[in-house]
Amino acid sequence: MLTNVTTGFIARLRGNDEAAWFELWETFGPVLRAQLAKWGKGRIGAETVRDLSQETLAALSGSIDRYDPSRGARFSTWLLAIAKHVLGDEMDKRMALKRGAGQRGASFDEAWMKASTAIGVDEEYEAAMFRAKVEAAIRNIEKKADFLDFSIFRMRVLDSMPGKEVANQIGVSEPTVSRRLAKVRDMLRLELREVIGKFSFTEEELAEAERNGVNLNPSKTDDGHFDEAISEICHMQQELRRRDDEAARLAGP
């Protein structure tokens, strides 16, 4: 069953809400570009990858009115199918130019909207999409949380600093560090539920947090595992962003 926040986000996209489209692009753009580069296997440069990722968003915009989430497609499958179509169209154009022939028009098969593994979604892509959602939730919490609370969360969880060292740097007691950390951790769990729900169209997606070691309905003993999982995810996202920024630099203005 779809959540209200999910259907509400789809409605915002269909209504050409610029903030919703920007959020979509900011959250998943790097993952799409990494996947396009992986598919390209060195045959397309960084500039073409960025162009194709923008074309993917344009194609998404043009097909959003036809999208029916009740047919069971994962959100990640939806984006991946469109990106695959855009890349395939680009490769068709290149082959046509090499042959000296006219461009073959590529059709957009809407079978991707059904729940299926046929288009070959790999586990790393799915994991990257989940990490992007976690990153988006953390960005939101950074804006919502008290500055000192989030600073403690950043040092303790994202930078993996011992509680005693954090307490010394901030000038508070270790129990205060633990209390403020717990406050941000609770906020993040709530935010993750909202972000995951916003971009999830199937029950499988709604359950993906636990599969990735991020327990949103924990006992006290789960907090350490949660912090470790969040830290690892953030480090991987930082590396993805670094590579994406480097590709953008190489692509030029």
C-alpha atoms as a PDB file:
ATOM      1  CA  MET A   1       0.000   0.000   0.000  1.00  0.00           C
ATOM      2  CA  LEU A   2       1.294   3.461  -0.883  1.00  0.00           C
ATOM      3  CA  THR A   3       1.791   6.002   1.864  1.00  0.00           C
ATOM      4  CA  ASN A   4       0.312   9.491   1.703  1.00  0.00           C
ATOM      5  CA  VAL A   5       3.781  11.015   1.593  1.00  0.00           C
ATOM      6  CA  THR A   6       4.654   8.839  -1.413  1.00  0.00           C
ATOM      7  CA  THR A   7       1.560   9.699  -3.403  1.00  0.00           C
ATOM      8  CA  GLY A   8       1.939  13.320  -2.330  1.00  0.00           C
ATOM      9  CA  PHE A   9       5.458  13.452  -3.742  1.00  0.00           C
ATOM     10  CA  ILE A  10       4.282  11.960  -7.031  1.00  0.00           C
ATOM     11  CA  ALA A  11       1.567  14.620  -7.170  1.00  0.00           C
ATOM     12  CA  ARG A  12       4.204  17.313  -6.625  1.00  0.00           C
ATOM     13  CA  LEU A  13       6.261  15.941  -9.514  1.00  0.00           C
ATOM     14  CA  ARG A  14       3.211  15.816 -11.754  1.00  0.00           C
ATOM     15  CA  GLY A  15       2.419  19.397 -10.773  1.00  0.00           C
ATOM     16  CA  ASN A  16       5.917  20.491 -11.894  1.00  0.00           C
ATOM     17  CA  ASP A  17       6.895  21.482  -8.366  1.00  0.00           C
ATOM     18  CA  GLU A  18      10.452  22.766  -8.883  1.00  0.00           C
ATOM     19  CA  ALA A  19      11.447  22.000  -5.294  1.00  0.00           C
ATOM     20  CA  ALA A  20      10.358  18.364  -5.692  1.00  0.00           C
ATOM     21  CA  TRP A  21      12.296  17.961  -8.940  1.00  0.00           C
ATOM     22  CA  PHE A  22      15.383  19.564  -7.384  1.00  0.00           C
ATOM     23  CA  GLU A  23      15.114  17.231  -4.390  1.00  0.00           C
ATOM     24  CA  LEU A  24      14.914  14.243  -6.724  1.00  0.00           C
ATOM     25  CA  TRP A  25      17.940  15.438  -8.695  1.00  0.00           C
ATOM     26  CA  GLU A  26      20.009  16.342  -5.629  1.00  0.00           C
ATOM     27  CA  THR A  27      19.295  13.002  -3.981  1.00  0.00           C
ATOM     28  CA  PHE A  28      19.736  10.554  -6.848  1.00  0.00           C
ATOM     29  CA  GLY A  29      21.722  12.428  -9.518  1.00  0.00           C
ATOM     30  CA  PRO A  30      25.136  11.093  -8.425  1.00  0.00           C
ATOM     31  CA  VAL A  31      23.834   7.507  -8.330  1.00  0.00           C
ATOM     32  CA  LEU A  32      22.397   7.810 -11.843  1.00  0.00           C
ATOM     33  CA  ARG A  33      25.613   9.292 -13.193  1.00  0.00           C
ATOM     34  CA  ALA A  34      27.666   6.515 -11.595  1.00  0.00           C
ATOM     35  CA  GLN A  35      25.371   3.898 -13.143  1.00  0.00           C
ATOM     36  CA  LEU A  36      25.501   5.517 -16.596  1.00  0.00           C
ATOM     37  CA  ALA A  37      29.299   5.639 -16.417  1.00  0.00           C
ATOM     38  CA  LYS A  38      29.346   1.966 -15.385  1.00  0.00           C
ATOM     39  CA  TRP A  39      27.145   1.011 -18.314  1.00  0.00           C
ATOM     40  CA  GLY A  40      29.214   3.139 -20.691  1.00  0.00           C
ATOM     41  CA  LYS A  41      32.354   1.070 -19.926  1.00  0.00           C
ATOM     42  CA  GLY A  42      34.614   3.928 -20.974  1.00  0.00           C
ATOM     43  CA  ARG A  43      32.832   4.514 -24.292  1.00  0.00           C
ATOM     44  CA  ILE A  44      31.261   7.752 -23.081  1.00  0.00           C
ATOM     45  CA  GLY A  45      33.025  10.618 -21.356  1.00  0.00           C
ATOM     46  CA  ALA A  46      32.159  12.532 -18.201  1.00  0.00           C
ATOM     47  CA  GLU A  47      30.443  15.315 -20.154  1.00  0.00           C
ATOM     48  CA  THR A  48      28.197  12.841 -21.979  1.00  0.00           C
ATOM     49  CA  VAL A  49      27.354  11.111 -18.697  1.00  0.00           C
ATOM     50  CA  ARG A  50      26.182  14.399 -17.206  1.00  0.00           C
ATOM     51  CA  ASP A  51      24.197  15.221 -20.350  1.00  0.00           C
ATOM     52  CA  LEU A  52      22.524  11.808 -20.258  1.00  0.00           C
ATOM     53  CA  SER A  53      21.636  12.165 -16.582  1.00  0.00           C
ATOM     54  CA  GLN A  54      19.905  15.454 -17.400  1.00  0.00           C
ATOM     55  CA  GLU A  55      18.125  13.784 -20.324  1.00  0.00           C
ATOM     56  CA  THR A  56      16.992  11.052 -17.920  1.00  0.00           C
ATOM     57  CA  LEU A  57      15.370  13.670 -15.719  1.00  0.00           C
ATOM     58  CA  ALA A  58      13.750  15.273 -18.772  1.00  0.00           C
ATOM     59  CA  ALA A  59      12.421  11.879 -19.886  1.00  0.00           C
ATOM     60  CA  LEU A  60      11.143  11.279 -16.385  1.00  0.00           C
ATOM     61  CA  SER A  61       9.353  14.613 -16.480  1.00  0.00           C
ATOM     62  CA  GLY A  62       7.757  13.699 -19.794  1.00  0.00           C
ATOM     63  CA  SER A  63       6.532  10.299 -18.570  1.00  0.00           C
ATOM     64  CA  ILE A  64       5.470  11.121 -15.022  1.00  0.00           C
ATOM     65  CA  ASP A  65       1.783  11.374 -15.966  1.00  0.00           C
ATOM     66  CA  ARG A  66       1.890   7.803 -17.270  1.00  0.00           C
ATOM     67  CA  TYR A  67       3.566   6.375 -14.172  1.00  0.00           C
ATOM     68  CA  ASP A  68       1.343   4.036 -12.156  1.00  0.00           C
ATOM     69  CA  PRO A  69       3.046   3.027  -8.875  1.00  0.00           C
ATOM     70  CA  SER A  70       0.278   0.542  -8.112  1.00  0.00           C
ATOM     71  CA  ARG A  71       1.729  -1.725 -10.798  1.00  0.00           C
ATOM     72  CA  GLY A  72       4.567  -2.606  -8.431  1.00  0.00           C
ATOM     73  CA  ALA A  73       7.730  -1.020  -9.802  1.00  0.00           C
ATOM     74  CA  ARG A  74      10.407  -0.088  -7.300  1.00  0.00           C
ATOM     75  CA  PHE A  75      11.368   3.577  -7.442  1.00  0.00           C
ATOM     76  CA  SER A  76      14.938   2.569  -8.296  1.00  0.00           C
ATOM     77  CA  THR A  77      13.708   0.388 -11.167  1.00  0.00           C
ATOM     78  CA  TRP A  78      11.689   3.308 -12.506  1.00  0.00           C
ATOM     79  CA  LEU A  79      14.718   5.611 -12.656  1.00  0.00           C
ATOM     80  CA  LEU A  80      17.046   2.909 -13.932  1.00  0.00           C
ATOM     81  CA  ALA A  81      14.749   1.899 -16.787  1.00  0.00           C
ATOM     82  CA  ILE A  82      14.503   5.496 -17.985  1.00  0.00           C
ATOM     83  CA  ALA A  83      18.277   5.988 -17.733  1.00  0.00           C
ATOM     84  CA  LYS A  84      18.808   2.748 -19.660  1.00  0.00           C
ATOM     85  CA  HIS A  85      16.428   3.936 -22.360  1.00  0.00           C
ATOM     86  CA  VAL A  86      18.241   7.280 -22.639  1.00  0.00           C
ATOM     87  CA  LEU A  87      21.660   5.611 -22.844  1.00  0.00           C
ATOM     88  CA  GLY A  88      20.401   3.101 -25.406  1.00  0.00           C
ATOM     89  CA  ASP A  89      19.045   5.932 -27.527  1.00  0.00           C
ATOM     90  CA  GLU A  90      22.436   7.670 -27.383  1.00  0.00           C
ATOM     91  CA  MET A  91      24.283   4.493 -28.430  1.00  0.00           C
ATOM     92  CA  ASP A  92      21.791   3.971 -31.285  1.00  0.00           C
ATOM     93  CA  LYS A  93      22.542   7.477 -32.539  1.00  0.00           C
ATOM     94  CA  ARG A  94      26.282   6.803 -32.447  1.00  0.00           C
ATOM     95  CA  MET A  95      25.932   3.516 -34.305  1.00  0.00           C
ATOM     96  CA  ALA A  96      23.698   5.164 -36.905  1.00  0.00           C
ATOM     97  CA  LEU A  97      26.306   7.874 -37.476  1.00  0.00           C
ATOM     98  CA  LYS A  98      29.038   5.256 -37.886  1.00  0.00           C
ATOM     99  CA  ARG A  99      26.937   3.386 -40.442  1.00  0.00           C
ATOM    100  CA  GLY A 100      25.955   6.582 -42.170  1.00  0.00           C
ATOM    101  CA  ALA A 101      22.334   5.673 -41.719  1.00  0.00           C
ATOM    102  CA  GLY A 102      19.408   7.570 -40.290  1.00  0.00           C
ATOM    103  CA  GLN A 103      18.668   7.486 -36.605  1.00  0.00           C
ATOM    104  CA  ARG A 104      16.537   4.616 -35.417  1.00  0.00           C
ATOM    105  CA  GLY A 105      13.791   5.833 -33.128  1.00  0.00           C
ATOM    106  CA  ALA A 106      13.856   4.085 -29.786  1.00  0.00           C
ATOM    107  CA  SER A 107      10.522   3.149 -28.242  1.00  0.00           C
ATOM    108  CA  PHE A 108       9.891   3.484 -24.537  1.00  0.00           C
ATOM    109  CA  ASP A 109       8.644   0.126 -23.278  1.00  0.00           C
ATOM    110  CA  GLU A 110       6.407   0.713 -20.259  1.00  0.00           C
ATOM    111  CA  ALA A 111       6.810  -2.874 -19.083  1.00  0.00           C
ATOM    112  CA  TRP A 112       9.334  -1.460 -16.590  1.00  0.00           C
ATOM    113  CA  MET A 113       6.441  -0.280 -14.455  1.00  0.00           C
ATOM    114  CA  LYS A 114       5.691  -3.853 -13.422  1.00  0.00           C
ATOM    115  CA  ALA A 115       7.604  -5.518 -10.606  1.00  0.00           C
ATOM    116  CA  SER A 116      10.361  -7.370 -12.446  1.00  0.00           C
ATOM    117  CA  THR A 117      14.060  -8.199 -12.367  1.00  0.00           C
ATOM    118  CA  ALA A 118      14.283  -8.314 -16.150  1.00  0.00           C
ATOM    119  CA  ILE A 119      16.245  -5.104 -16.619  1.00  0.00           C
ATOM    120  CA  GLY A 120      19.094  -6.362 -14.500  1.00  0.00           C
ATOM    121  CA  VAL A 121      19.134  -4.128 -11.430  1.00  0.00           C
ATOM    122  CA  ASP A 122      22.235  -5.115  -9.471  1.00  0.00           C
ATOM    123  CA  GLU A 123      22.606  -5.132  -5.716  1.00  0.00           C
ATOM    124  CA  GLU A 124      25.184  -2.340  -5.660  1.00  0.00           C
ATOM    125  CA  TYR A 125      22.840   0.009  -7.493  1.00  0.00           C
ATOM    126  CA  GLU A 126      20.041  -0.759  -5.045  1.00  0.00           C
ATOM    127  CA  ALA A 127      22.402  -0.207  -2.105  1.00  0.00           C
ATOM    128  CA  ALA A 128      23.540   3.098  -3.617  1.00  0.00           C
ATOM    129  CA  MET A 129      19.933   4.257  -3.961  1.00  0.00           C
ATOM    130  CA  PHE A 130      19.338   3.456  -0.294  1.00  0.00           C
ATOM    131  CA  ARG A 131      22.498   5.308   0.744  1.00  0.00           C
ATOM    132  CA  ALA A 132      21.273   8.345  -1.186  1.00  0.00           C
ATOM    133  CA  LYS A 133      18.067   8.315   0.863  1.00  0.00           C
ATOM    134  CA  VAL A 134      20.045   8.130   4.106  1.00  0.00           C
ATOM    135  CA  GLU A 135      22.206  11.051   2.987  1.00  0.00           C
ATOM    136  CA  ALA A 136      19.086  13.079   2.184  1.00  0.00           C
ATOM    137  CA  ALA A 137      17.655  12.356   5.640  1.00  0.00           C
ATOM    138  CA  ILE A 138      20.884  13.461   7.317  1.00  0.00           C
ATOM    139  CA  ARG A 139      20.887  16.719   5.319  1.00  0.00           C
ATOM    140  CA  ASN A 140      17.346  17.372   6.504  1.00  0.00           C
ATOM    141  CA  ILE A 141      18.255  16.676  10.137  1.00  0.00           C
ATOM    142  CA  GLU A 142      21.248  19.000   9.938  1.00  0.00           C
ATOM    143  CA  LYS A 143      18.783  21.794   9.139  1.00  0.00           C
ATOM    144  CA  LYS A 144      16.275  20.799  11.819  1.00  0.00           C
ATOM    145  CA  ALA A 145      18.500  19.881  14.753  1.00  0.00           C
ATOM    146  CA  ASP A 146      20.125  22.166  17.301  1.00  0.00           C
ATOM    147  CA  PHE A 147      23.589  23.173  16.055  1.00  0.00           C
ATOM    148  CA  LEU A 148      25.406  21.762  19.091  1.00  0.00           C
ATOM    149  CA  ASP A 149      23.390  18.536  18.991  1.00  0.00           C
ATOM    150  CA  PHE A 150      24.200  17.924  15.341  1.00  0.00           C
ATOM    151  CA  SER A 151      27.866  18.838  15.900  1.00  0.00           C
ATOM    152  CA  ILE A 152      28.028  16.115  18.548  1.00  0.00           C
ATOM    153  CA  PHE A 153      26.305  13.678  16.176  1.00  0.00           C
ATOM    154  CA  ARG A 154      28.770  14.554  13.405  1.00  0.00           C
ATOM    155  CA  MET A 155      31.820  14.049  15.603  1.00  0.00           C
ATOM    156  CA  ARG A 156      30.570  10.990  17.443  1.00  0.00           C
ATOM    157  CA  VAL A 157      28.952   9.119  14.538  1.00  0.00           C
ATOM    158  CA  LEU A 158      30.135  10.513  11.211  1.00  0.00           C
ATOM    159  CA  ASP A 159      33.726  11.131  12.352  1.00  0.00           C
ATOM    160  CA  SER A 160      33.792   8.121  14.737  1.00  0.00           C
ATOM    161  CA  MET A 161      35.316  10.105  17.626  1.00  0.00           C
ATOM    162  CA  PRO A 162      35.233   8.589  21.152  1.00  0.00           C
ATOM    163  CA  GLY A 163      32.643  10.083  23.480  1.00  0.00           C
ATOM    164  CA  LYS A 164      35.307  11.329  25.900  1.00  0.00           C
ATOM    165  CA  GLU A 165      37.135  13.215  23.151  1.00  0.00           C
ATOM    166  CA  VAL A 166      33.885  14.785  21.924  1.00  0.00           C
ATOM    167  CA  ALA A 167      33.056  15.854  25.477  1.00  0.00           C
ATOM    168  CA  ASN A 168      36.490  17.462  25.892  1.00  0.00           C
ATOM    169  CA  GLN A 169      36.244  19.339  22.593  1.00  0.00           C
ATOM    170  CA  ILE A 170      32.712  20.595  23.205  1.00  0.00           C
ATOM    171  CA  GLY A 171      33.258  21.294  26.901  1.00  0.00           C
ATOM    172  CA  VAL A 172      30.427  19.174  28.272  1.00  0.00           C
ATOM    173  CA  SER A 173      30.170  15.917  30.202  1.00  0.00           C
ATOM    174  CA  GLU A 174      30.087  12.501  28.536  1.00  0.00           C
ATOM    175  CA  PRO A 175      26.493  11.898  29.728  1.00  0.00           C
ATOM    176  CA  THR A 176      25.527  15.165  28.006  1.00  0.00           C
ATOM    177  CA  VAL A 177      27.174  13.935  24.808  1.00  0.00           C
ATOM    178  CA  SER A 178      25.217  10.684  25.036  1.00  0.00           C
ATOM    179  CA  ARG A 179      21.939  12.468  25.735  1.00  0.00           C
ATOM    180  CA  ARG A 180      22.323  14.943  22.856  1.00  0.00           C
ATOM    181  CA  LEU A 181      23.477  12.169  20.517  1.00  0.00           C
ATOM    182  CA  ALA A 182      20.392  10.115  21.393  1.00  0.00           C
ATOM    183  CA  LYS A 183      18.184  13.101  20.572  1.00  0.00           C
ATOM    184  CA  VAL A 184      19.623  13.437  17.053  1.00  0.00           C
ATOM    185  CA  ARG A 185      19.579   9.673  16.538  1.00  0.00           C
ATOM    186  CA  ASP A 186      15.851   9.591  17.335  1.00  0.00           C
ATOM    187  CA  MET A 187      15.228  12.516  14.968  1.00  0.00           C
ATOM    188  CA  LEU A 188      17.169  10.748  12.223  1.00  0.00           C
ATOM    189  CA  ARG A 189      15.177   7.542  12.576  1.00  0.00           C
ATOM    190  CA  LEU A 190      11.936   9.480  12.169  1.00  0.00           C
ATOM    191  CA  GLU A 191      13.338  11.390   9.190  1.00  0.00           C
ATOM    192  CA  LEU A 192      14.509   8.169   7.559  1.00  0.00           C
ATOM    193  CA  ARG A 193      10.996   6.757   7.756  1.00  0.00           C
ATOM    194  CA  GLU A 194       9.690   9.843   5.977  1.00  0.00           C
ATOM    195  CA  VAL A 195      12.399   9.965   3.290  1.00  0.00           C
ATOM    196  CA  ILE A 196      12.248   6.237   2.574  1.00  0.00           C
ATOM    197  CA  GLY A 197       8.462   6.433   2.414  1.00  0.00           C
ATOM    198  CA  LYS A 198       8.596   9.383   0.041  1.00  0.00           C
ATOM    199  CA  PHE A 199      10.650   7.518  -2.547  1.00  0.00           C
ATOM    200  CA  SER A 200       9.247   4.015  -2.010  1.00  0.00           C
ATOM    201  CA  PHE A 201       6.408   2.479  -4.008  1.00  0.00           C
ATOM    202  CA  THR A 202       6.568  -1.127  -2.785  1.00  0.00           C
ATOM    203  CA  GLU A 203       6.575  -2.945   0.559  1.00  0.00           C
ATOM    204  CA  GLU A 204      10.026  -4.300  -0.334  1.00  0.00           C
ATOM    205  CA  GLU A 205      11.417  -0.767  -0.497  1.00  0.00           C
ATOM    206  CA  LEU A 206       9.764   0.237   2.757  1.00  0.00           C
ATOM    207  CA  ALA A 207      11.627  -2.631   4.447  1.00  0.00           C
ATOM    208  CA  GLU A 208      15.025  -1.841   2.955  1.00  0.00           C
ATOM    209  CA  ALA A 209      16.371  -0.004   6.012  1.00  0.00           C
ATOM    210  CA  GLU A 210      16.533  -3.118   8.142  1.00  0.00           C
ATOM    211  CA  ARG A 211      18.142  -5.065   5.291  1.00  0.00           C
ATOM    212  CA  ASN A 212      20.906  -2.448   5.245  1.00  0.00           C
ATOM    213  CA  GLY A 213      21.546  -2.621   8.983  1.00  0.00           C
ATOM    214  CA  VAL A 214      19.583   0.555   9.803  1.00  0.00           C
ATOM    215  CA  ASN A 215      16.984  -0.506  12.370  1.00  0.00           C
ATOM    216  CA  LEU A 216      14.218   2.096  12.614  1.00  0.00           C
ATOM    217  CA  ASN A 217      12.344   0.258  15.395  1.00  0.00           C
ATOM    218  CA  PRO A 218      15.214  -0.526  17.733  1.00  0.00           C
ATOM    219  CA  SER A 219      15.936  -1.619  21.234  1.00  0.00           C
ATOM    220  CA  LYS A 220      18.644   0.230  23.149  1.00  0.00           C
ATOM    221  CA  THR A 221      21.233  -2.364  22.147  1.00  0.00           C
ATOM    222  CA  ASP A 222      20.687  -1.523  18.456  1.00  0.00           C
ATOM    223  CA  ASP A 223      21.997   2.049  18.782  1.00  0.00           C
ATOM    224  CA  GLY A 224      25.646   1.119  18.294  1.00  0.00           C
ATOM    225  CA  HIS A 225      24.900  -0.904  15.166  1.00  0.00           C
ATOM    226  CA  PHE A 226      22.740   1.941  13.851  1.00  0.00           C
ATOM    227  CA  ASP A 227      25.557   4.465  14.355  1.00  0.00           C
ATOM    228  CA  GLU A 228      28.075   2.182  12.653  1.00  0.00           C
ATOM    229  CA  ALA A 229      25.778   1.632   9.664  1.00  0.00           C
ATOM    230  CA  ILE A 230      25.104   5.379   9.312  1.00  0.00           C
ATOM    231  CA  SER A 231      28.832   6.156   9.538  1.00  0.00           C
ATOM    232  CA  GLU A 232      29.705   3.614   6.838  1.00  0.00           C
ATOM    233  CA  ILE A 233      26.927   4.854   4.568  1.00  0.00           C
ATOM    234  CA  CYS A 234      28.064   8.465   4.929  1.00  0.00           C
ATOM    235  CA  HIS A 235      31.671   7.610   4.110  1.00  0.00           C
ATOM    236  CA  MET A 236      30.560   5.772   0.983  1.00  0.00           C
ATOM    237  CA  GLN A 237      28.368   8.709  -0.036  1.00  0.00           C
ATOM    238  CA  GLN A 238      31.247  11.112   0.486  1.00  0.00           C
ATOM    239  CA  GLU A 239      33.360   9.026  -1.879  1.00  0.00           C
ATOM    240  CA  LEU A 240      30.538   8.918  -4.437  1.00  0.00           C
ATOM    241  CA  ARG A 241      30.176  12.709  -4.225  1.00  0.00           C
ATOM    242  CA  ARG A 242      33.946  13.131  -4.550  1.00  0.00           C
ATOM    243  CA  ARG A 243      34.041  11.068  -7.738  1.00  0.00           C
ATOM    244  CA  ASP A 244      30.986  12.882  -9.066  1.00  0.00           C
ATOM    245  CA  ASP A 245      32.564  16.286  -8.403  1.00  0.00           C
ATOM    246  CA  GLU A 246      35.780  15.148 -10.083  1.00  0.00           C
ATOM    247  CA  ALA A 247      33.800  14.001 -13.132  1.00  0.00           C
ATOM    248  CA  ALA A 248      32.054  17.372 -13.230  1.00  0.00           C
ATOM    249  CA  ARG A 249      35.437  19.122 -13.147  1.00  0.00           C
ATOM    250  CA  LEU A 250      36.676  17.003 -16.048  1.00  0.00           C
ATOM    251  CA  ALA A 251      33.502  17.640 -18.004  1.00  0.00           C
ATOM    252  CA  GLY A 252      34.102  21.389 -17.725  1.00  0.00           C
ATOM    253  CA  PRO A 253      31.492  24.176 -17.747  1.00  0.00           C
END
